[in-house]
Amino acid sequence: MKAIILAAGVARRLAPLTDRTHKCLLPVGDRPLLGRMLAALDAAGVREAVLVVGHFADQVRALAGTRFGRVRVRYVENPQYTKGSALSLYAARDHLKEPALVMDADVLFPREFLRRLLAAPAPSAFLVDRGFADTGEEVKYYTRGDRVIALGKKVVPESWEQVGEGVGFFKCGAEAAPELVRLLERVIGEGGGLDEYEDALHLLVQEHHVGWVDVTGLPWTEIDFVEDLRRAREEVLPRVARLDGE
């Protein structure tokens, strides 16, 4: 199992903080966000991470290097990083030939997230938080039984049993990977490269069984806005640190 970390975007919504620093390098507590993520992967036993880079790529490389703890670090360049995230995941398509964790680089989370996702019986699965507040910014995941049936910010299926916010982590099994690559090609072609990788995942769950892992009640946050960063530092980090035994 390897991790594919999407760390190419510009993060304009966090300006001016991201005018000189990549979002995933902003400090949360005593470490940059990306450093926390790589340490969590190391603790979970993941031994290879592929970072998709673009904006301030040199900064990301300087932090992660070629090895972080016991994690071998490799890089894939996305020269079109100002467009949609589908292009970033597609750039790493050669690393989807084996089971992989696809991870957004802007998430603060406890290590329990990775333990649960890696232990999930389904070869492909998402992390879902049912305790979210719907502001319109969240990518919502709709489930029926043990599978996700639809996802997106504006997608609403005719019927579902549970709905929650996606954490931004996807365990992609070997059988689902070729189909995901094909669907990434499709959404990139139809959207001119402006679409998000979640658009391909929405198509994938309609054709392939993808499970879900409930993380409701555990502390985490995606960092898109300045208020998210404040909350991460002041409210979420203390709870994450307690769970991680720090």
Protein backbone atom coordinates (compact mmCIF):
# COMPACT_ATOMS: atom_id res chain seq x y z
CA MET A 1 0.00 0.00 0.00
CA LYS A 2 1.34 3.41 -0.98
CA ALA A 3 -0.07 6.89 -0.46
CA ILE A 4 -0.71 9.41 -3.23
CA ILE A 5 -0.85 12.87 -1.66
CA LEU A 6 -2.31 15.68 -3.75
CA ALA A 7 -0.26 18.77 -2.93
CA ALA A 8 -0.20 20.77 -6.16
CA GLY A 9 -2.93 23.40 -5.78
CA VAL A 10 -2.59 27.16 -5.27
CA ALA A 11 -5.07 27.54 -2.36
CA ARG A 12 -6.18 31.04 -3.29
CA ARG A 13 -8.83 31.06 -0.56
CA LEU A 14 -6.08 31.11 2.07
CA ALA A 15 -4.29 34.15 0.61
CA PRO A 16 -2.26 36.04 1.68
CA LEU A 17 -0.98 33.18 3.88
CA THR A 18 -0.35 31.08 0.78
CA ASP A 19 1.22 33.85 -1.30
CA ARG A 20 4.68 32.74 -0.15
CA THR A 21 4.02 29.36 1.49
CA HIS A 22 2.31 26.23 0.24
CA LYS A 23 -0.87 25.46 2.15
CA CYS A 24 0.30 22.05 3.33
CA LEU A 25 3.40 23.66 4.85
CA LEU A 26 1.49 26.04 7.11
CA PRO A 27 2.35 25.23 10.73
CA VAL A 28 -0.23 23.53 12.93
CA GLY A 29 1.26 23.37 16.38
CA ASP A 30 4.96 22.59 16.17
CA ARG A 31 4.89 21.04 12.70
CA PRO A 32 3.71 21.77 9.17
CA LEU A 33 0.51 20.03 8.15
CA LEU A 34 2.31 17.83 5.62
CA GLY A 35 4.83 16.75 8.23
CA ARG A 36 1.98 15.53 10.42
CA MET A 37 0.48 13.60 7.51
CA LEU A 38 3.76 11.88 6.62
CA ALA A 39 4.37 10.99 10.28
CA ALA A 40 0.89 9.45 10.46
CA LEU A 41 1.59 7.37 7.36
CA ASP A 42 4.86 6.20 8.89
CA ALA A 43 3.08 5.17 12.09
CA ALA A 44 0.43 3.31 10.06
CA GLY A 45 3.05 1.24 8.26
CA VAL A 46 2.78 2.88 4.85
CA ARG A 47 6.24 2.80 3.37
CA GLU A 48 5.89 4.87 0.20
CA ALA A 49 4.33 8.26 -0.46
CA VAL A 50 3.96 9.87 -3.87
CA LEU A 51 3.50 13.63 -3.66
CA VAL A 52 1.84 15.32 -6.61
CA VAL A 53 3.37 18.79 -6.66
CA GLY A 54 2.96 22.02 -8.62
CA HIS A 55 2.55 25.29 -6.70
CA PHE A 56 5.70 25.96 -4.62
CA ALA A 57 6.93 22.46 -5.48
CA ASP A 58 10.45 23.26 -4.25
CA GLN A 59 9.09 24.06 -0.79
CA VAL A 60 7.27 20.74 -0.61
CA ARG A 61 10.36 18.85 -1.76
CA ALA A 62 12.51 20.66 0.80
CA LEU A 63 10.27 19.54 3.65
CA ALA A 64 9.61 15.94 2.63
CA GLY A 65 12.92 15.10 0.96
CA THR A 66 13.32 11.57 -0.38
CA ARG A 67 12.60 9.84 2.92
CA PHE A 68 10.48 10.86 5.88
CA GLY A 69 11.07 8.50 8.76
CA ARG A 70 10.58 5.05 7.23
CA VAL A 71 8.51 6.42 4.33
CA ARG A 72 10.14 6.61 0.92
CA VAL A 73 9.01 9.82 -0.78
CA ARG A 74 8.65 10.23 -4.54
CA TYR A 75 7.28 13.08 -6.63
CA VAL A 76 5.05 13.61 -9.64
CA GLU A 77 4.79 17.02 -11.28
CA ASN A 78 1.46 18.48 -12.37
CA PRO A 79 2.38 21.42 -14.63
CA GLN A 80 -1.31 22.37 -14.93
CA TYR A 81 -1.78 22.78 -11.19
CA THR A 82 -3.88 25.94 -11.55
CA LYS A 83 -6.68 23.85 -13.05
CA GLY A 84 -8.79 21.10 -11.46
CA SER A 85 -7.54 18.43 -9.10
CA ALA A 86 -8.52 15.68 -11.56
CA LEU A 87 -5.33 16.56 -13.42
CA SER A 88 -3.26 16.01 -10.26
CA LEU A 89 -4.59 12.53 -9.60
CA TYR A 90 -4.33 11.66 -13.30
CA ALA A 91 -0.67 12.74 -13.25
CA ALA A 92 -0.08 9.98 -10.67
CA ARG A 93 -1.96 7.32 -12.67
CA ASP A 94 1.10 5.06 -12.94
CA HIS A 95 0.98 4.70 -9.15
CA LEU A 96 -2.63 3.49 -9.25
CA LYS A 97 -1.59 0.11 -10.62
CA GLU A 98 -1.49 -1.25 -7.06
CA PRO A 99 -3.57 -0.50 -3.94
CA ALA A 100 -3.12 3.11 -2.87
CA LEU A 101 -4.41 5.72 -0.46
CA VAL A 102 -5.42 8.90 -2.27
CA MET A 103 -5.15 11.80 0.18
CA ASP A 104 -5.74 15.54 0.07
CA ALA A 105 -2.75 17.30 1.65
CA ASP A 106 -4.80 19.87 3.58
CA VAL A 107 -6.37 17.67 6.29
CA LEU A 108 -5.57 17.58 10.00
CA PHE A 109 -6.63 14.20 11.38
CA PRO A 110 -5.87 11.60 14.06
CA ARG A 111 -3.91 8.47 13.18
CA GLU A 112 -7.04 6.44 13.94
CA PHE A 113 -8.32 7.54 10.52
CA LEU A 114 -5.60 5.60 8.74
CA ARG A 115 -5.97 2.59 11.03
CA ARG A 116 -9.66 2.35 10.25
CA LEU A 117 -9.30 2.92 6.52
CA LEU A 118 -6.48 0.40 6.09
CA ALA A 119 -8.37 -2.19 8.17
CA ALA A 120 -11.63 -1.78 6.25
CA PRO A 121 -12.63 -5.10 4.63
CA ALA A 122 -13.65 -3.43 1.37
CA PRO A 123 -10.71 -3.16 -1.07
CA SER A 124 -11.90 0.37 -1.95
CA ALA A 125 -13.41 2.67 0.66
CA PHE A 126 -13.90 6.26 1.81
CA LEU A 127 -13.84 7.88 5.23
CA VAL A 128 -17.19 9.54 6.01
CA ASP A 129 -18.19 11.85 8.86
CA ARG A 130 -21.96 11.87 9.44
CA GLY A 131 -21.74 14.63 12.04
CA PHE A 132 -21.09 17.46 9.60
CA ALA A 133 -22.77 20.84 9.22
CA ASP A 134 -23.86 21.43 5.64
CA THR A 135 -22.56 24.84 4.54
CA GLY A 136 -22.46 23.99 0.84
CA GLU A 137 -18.67 23.68 0.81
CA GLU A 138 -18.59 20.03 1.85
CA VAL A 139 -18.27 17.11 -0.55
CA LYS A 140 -21.17 14.95 0.63
CA TYR A 141 -21.12 11.14 0.44
CA TYR A 142 -24.42 9.28 0.21
CA THR A 143 -24.52 5.65 1.28
CA ARG A 144 -26.83 2.68 1.04
CA GLY A 145 -25.90 -0.34 3.11
CA ASP A 146 -22.16 -0.82 3.06
CA ARG A 147 -21.45 1.15 -0.11
CA VAL A 148 -21.24 4.74 -1.29
CA ILE A 149 -23.73 5.42 -4.08
CA ALA A 150 -23.04 9.08 -4.89
CA LEU A 151 -20.83 11.97 -3.88
CA GLY A 152 -20.36 15.65 -4.61
CA LYS A 153 -21.14 19.16 -3.41
CA LYS A 154 -24.35 19.45 -5.39
CA VAL A 155 -25.22 15.82 -6.16
CA VAL A 156 -28.33 14.44 -4.44
CA PRO A 157 -29.46 10.88 -5.32
CA GLU A 158 -33.13 9.90 -5.36
CA SER A 159 -32.75 7.83 -2.19
CA TRP A 160 -30.09 7.00 0.35
CA GLU A 161 -29.71 5.75 3.92
CA GLN A 162 -26.85 7.84 5.33
CA VAL A 163 -25.10 11.03 4.27
CA GLY A 164 -21.86 12.49 5.55
CA GLU A 165 -18.92 14.66 4.65
CA GLY A 166 -15.97 13.05 2.94
CA VAL A 167 -12.65 13.48 4.71
CA GLY A 168 -10.68 13.57 1.46
CA PHE A 169 -9.09 10.12 1.82
CA PHE A 170 -9.83 7.22 -0.54
CA LYS A 171 -8.46 3.69 -0.34
CA CYS A 172 -8.34 2.58 -3.97
CA GLY A 173 -8.18 -1.17 -4.53
CA ALA A 174 -6.34 -2.74 -7.44
CA GLU A 175 -9.57 -3.70 -9.23
CA ALA A 176 -11.03 -0.18 -9.08
CA ALA A 177 -7.86 1.60 -10.17
CA PRO A 178 -8.05 1.03 -13.97
CA GLU A 179 -11.66 2.19 -13.99
CA LEU A 180 -10.75 5.29 -11.96
CA VAL A 181 -8.02 6.19 -14.45
CA ARG A 182 -10.48 5.80 -17.32
CA LEU A 183 -13.02 8.00 -15.57
CA LEU A 184 -10.39 10.64 -14.81
CA GLU A 185 -9.62 10.75 -18.52
CA ARG A 186 -13.32 11.17 -19.21
CA VAL A 187 -13.93 14.06 -16.81
CA ILE A 188 -10.73 15.81 -17.89
CA GLY A 189 -11.78 15.55 -21.52
CA GLU A 190 -15.31 16.73 -20.88
CA GLY A 191 -14.33 19.55 -18.51
CA GLY A 192 -11.18 20.81 -20.16
CA GLY A 193 -9.11 19.88 -17.12
CA LEU A 194 -11.11 22.10 -14.77
CA ASP A 195 -12.99 19.33 -12.96
CA GLU A 196 -12.15 17.90 -9.54
CA TYR A 197 -11.10 14.29 -9.00
CA GLU A 198 -14.26 13.76 -6.94
CA ASP A 199 -16.21 14.03 -10.21
CA ALA A 200 -14.49 10.85 -11.37
CA LEU A 201 -15.09 9.19 -8.00
CA HIS A 202 -18.82 9.96 -8.30
CA LEU A 203 -18.88 8.07 -11.58
CA LEU A 204 -16.78 5.26 -10.11
CA VAL A 205 -19.18 4.48 -7.25
CA GLN A 206 -21.99 4.04 -9.75
CA GLU A 207 -20.05 1.30 -11.52
CA HIS A 208 -17.93 -0.23 -8.76
CA HIS A 209 -18.57 -1.27 -5.17
CA VAL A 210 -16.85 1.24 -2.88
CA GLY A 211 -17.34 0.91 0.86
CA TRP A 212 -17.25 3.49 3.59
CA VAL A 213 -15.78 3.81 7.05
CA ASP A 214 -17.55 5.88 9.69
CA VAL A 215 -15.37 8.41 11.55
CA THR A 216 -18.22 10.40 13.10
CA GLY A 217 -17.19 11.96 16.40
CA LEU A 218 -13.45 11.95 15.75
CA PRO A 219 -11.66 15.32 15.44
CA TRP A 220 -10.48 16.50 12.04
CA THR A 221 -10.70 19.42 9.66
CA GLU A 222 -9.94 20.30 6.09
CA ILE A 223 -8.14 23.63 5.80
CA ASP A 224 -9.54 25.83 3.04
CA PHE A 225 -10.01 29.19 4.75
CA VAL A 226 -8.23 31.25 7.42
CA GLU A 227 -10.96 30.33 9.90
CA ASP A 228 -10.27 26.62 9.21
CA LEU A 229 -6.62 27.16 10.07
CA ARG A 230 -7.50 28.94 13.32
CA ARG A 231 -9.88 26.15 14.26
CA ALA A 232 -7.28 23.52 13.37
CA ARG A 233 -4.71 25.10 15.66
CA GLU A 234 -6.91 26.04 18.59
CA GLU A 235 -9.67 23.42 18.67
CA VAL A 236 -8.87 20.35 16.59
CA LEU A 237 -5.15 19.88 17.26
CA PRO A 238 -5.48 19.42 21.06
CA ARG A 239 -8.04 16.65 20.52
CA VAL A 240 -5.96 15.00 17.78
CA ALA A 241 -2.84 15.15 19.97
CA ARG A 242 -4.66 13.42 22.83
CA LEU A 243 -5.85 10.62 20.57
CA ASP A 244 -2.39 10.19 19.08
CA GLY A 245 -0.79 10.13 22.53
CA GLU A 246 1.32 13.22 21.94
